[in-house]
Structure formats: structure tokens, C-alpha cells
């Protein structure tokens, strides 16, 4: 350990004699094609002496010049030296500032996004650049395939973007790469007031928040309006009503059209539940059912496995008992778009898939059913949240500018323009607003209102679909464990053990 020479008790060692002057550096030839430097002016290292007068010369020799110039010359040299130091310091500071400025302007602010094309993002980012001179944004719309692995690799190698989009369940995977939200963007109290409660839970790391959502999404119930109207049925409000409606709306190839026989072929399904291979978003459905039934998803087996088992039995009943859905059918999204499925659960972006596949299909979007709640015991309905948010690379040299862009993008005015820009594109609507103060704008919208209305009571966990985690991602691993239990290859005790192992790998304490 280095000792402080001021407090050291050891007498200082005399400095060694100065080393001899280094030899002159060898000349390095100029690279090919480079302009040659100007030829050096030859100077002599020998000081000229005045010539002695010739005896035959009548001209007297001039006296030798005075070296040093006396006291005035000394002062002059002193001031000259100070001036040169000041000039050098100022020039160095200017050069440093210039290099720092050039490092930002030449590198730009690189923004990795998902879903939103250039025609939607371009006008918004141009407005930001116009109001923030000197900041340029390079928006790169990423493919969702292998996005998480690609992003994490780039961040770990120090080559990641300045800001990027992440899923709300990715914080454990990217924690070390996420820059804390500065209070100049949103204070803790402002963040809690502006965004939904699930956001404050999902993005809190210690006392900080690490991402800002520009949208909200989750799970809603799509119904085929034609089927419901022809049957004279109302929209289910709870899961028992849903099971009754699904049984009535299902049709199978049998003598009486019922689906109770094991050899009956399904023609029209009342609901897509009961399998994990062709029910899109089964993870979100099972997760929210578990939460509504007071299951601790970290511990589905202890202290009581019955609530979790009841959910699994209910889910499987649609394929094993009612036989209104099976693995031989196409995916639930395709069946609903084809008009062969009465009830379908999905996030908001599936509306675009349905409308693209079947523009003439008459359907509506509603909040998901609930299990009975005991208000006297403080119970409330529980909905599902699965959404994306913007984060900043903690290694970025442009963190301040990146957070400034996120602050701009998440403002009320910008989100409204963002939504309107999306509506003017081929899409039916934009991303549902992430801010609570904008909820009233969309709450009555027929296709997106259900998501906004469910947001205040939404919760999330690591059993989410379509997160593009990749095989090693937390949602992929948890989904695989739950699927094995649902199809009967594992039990709840083994599931709980596997969940604990997965969460531990990401530094999550699954405390009881």
C-alpha cells in the first residue's frame, strides 16, 4: 500500500541523479499517400562568436551581445511563460470540450425499439430533435426474434444502444445494465402518481426505478359477437359463467351435436382452454387465474397446494371433461380469426392479427372474468399486465440525453400524438396509454378500452407469453415448468422446487 509522504516516518531518500538525455527519436517514414511534412530548417548547435578584428582592418568589431537581457528580460520571459501556460490550458480545455461534443454528435443517440415502424416513430423523433438542438436520434426497429439475447449480448460487450425497449419481466435478466431513473426526469412520487401500480412494482430496484413505459397491455377476452347474439347470450363476468357459455356455444360432430363423447370431432369451440401447445397466451391465462385464486406463484405447493391444483383442474376441464378444445385444432388465434371460436384471450396487439386475417369478423373485446372476491376481507379483482418499457444503458456516455428523450416520449402530449400517428397508419389503434391521467381518453374505445380499464388492478409475474426471452430467459423457463405440471408430467411439489431454482438463478428471493 502506498504511504502518504507527508505522514511517513521514514526519512525521504535523496533523489537519484538525473538520467542522461534520451537519444533523438528515430525518424518514422510517412505513410504512403500522406502529405510530406515541410523540410526542417537547419540550425547549428554552435553559438557564433564575434570575429576578432583583423590587424589591417579599420573597422572596429562590434561588442558581443548581452545574454539574458538583465532584469527586464527576466520579467519578460516570466510573463511570456505564464502566458504560454494559460494559452495552453485554455486551448486544451477547448480541445477537450470539442472532443466531448464531437463524441456525442458523431455517435448519435441510438434507440432500439420494437413494434413501432419508422413512419410512426419518425415524426415524433423529428419533433424531439427540433426542440433539442444538437441531439440526433437513430431509431432502429428490431426484430422480436432473439431480441433479448441480442440486446443482452450487445450490452454486456459494451456495444449496446443508448436506450432500448424491455419487457416488464426482464429486470432480473438485465439489472446490471439498467441505469437508474434520474429524479430530474421523474421523482419517486411523480412516478407512482403518473404510472399504474404494476409499473411501480415491476421496475423498482432498491429505491430506484429503471424503466419508463410508453404503453400498457395485458389480457382481455375477445368474443365472437355473431355467435353470442345468435345464442342470445350475455358476456360472461366470472369463470363459472364462462364455462357455461362455452359449453352451450360449442358444437361437435356427433348425433346430438354435443362434445361429451371422446370420439367427437370439434366443429366450433366455445373457448380455447385446456392445452398448452395450441392455446396462445395460455401462460397469462393460468397466471391470472392463479393470482385470482390467491396462489403465491413463487410457492404454488406450500403451504396449501389446493388453490393451485384447482386452477389446473379448471383449465384442463375444457379439454378433458367438456371436450370443447383439443390439441388437434389449429392455434386459438387462427380458430378465432376463422370464426370457429367463441371466446379467446389475448393482448391488445392480437386485434391487428385478427383484423388482418378476417376483416369481416364481428368481435368485441371485454375485461377478463373474475373469481368471487370478498370485499370485506380487502379482496379486489385481479387483472393481468404484460407490457414493454424504455430503459437506458448504464454504460452509455449519453445517458443524460437518453433520459431526456424518454421523458419527452412519455409526456402526455407526446403519447397522444404517438397514438394518433399510429391510428393514421394501417393500424386500428395505437399502444394503450401507460399514464393514468390519459385513461379517460381510451376507456370507452371498443377495442382497447378493456385494457386501460383493467390496468389499475393489474399484476404481473414471470409466467408471461410472447416476451421473446429466448430459451434461457426467465419466462421461457418458468413456462416450461408450468406446462409440464399442467399436462401431468410433473406435480406441484416439483414445480415449486423448479420455480425456486429458476428464480434463484436470477437473484430473486422467493420468500414465503
Foldseek 3Di string as FASTA:
>chain_A
DDDDVVPDPDDDDDDDPDDDDDDDDDDDDDDPPDDDDDDDDDDDPDDDDWDQDDPPDPDHTDDDDDPQPPPVSVVVVVVVVVVVVVVVVVVVVVVVVVVVLCVDLVVAQEEEEEDDDCLLVVVLQVVVCVVPPSHHYDYDYDDLALVQVVQVVCLVVVNHGFKYKAKLQCCLVCVVFFDFADVVLPNPVRLPQWFAPQQCVSQDDPNTGGWAAQFWKWKWKKFQVVLCVVVVHDDDAADVVLVVQQQVSWAWPDPVRAQQDPPTHTQATAEDFAADPAQAWNLRVLVLQLVLLVAQLLACPPPHVVSSVVSLCSRNCCCPGRNRDDPVDHHPLVCVLVVRYGMHMDMLVSVVVSCVSHVPGDMWIAHDHGDDDDVVVVDDTEGAIIGMTMGGGPSDPCNVVVSVVRSSCLDPVNSVSSFVSVCVPPDVTGGHGRTPVCLVVCCPPGRCNNRSVNRNRYHYDLCTPPSSQPCLRSNNQLVVLVNCCSVPVDHSVVSSVSSCVSCVVSVHDSDD
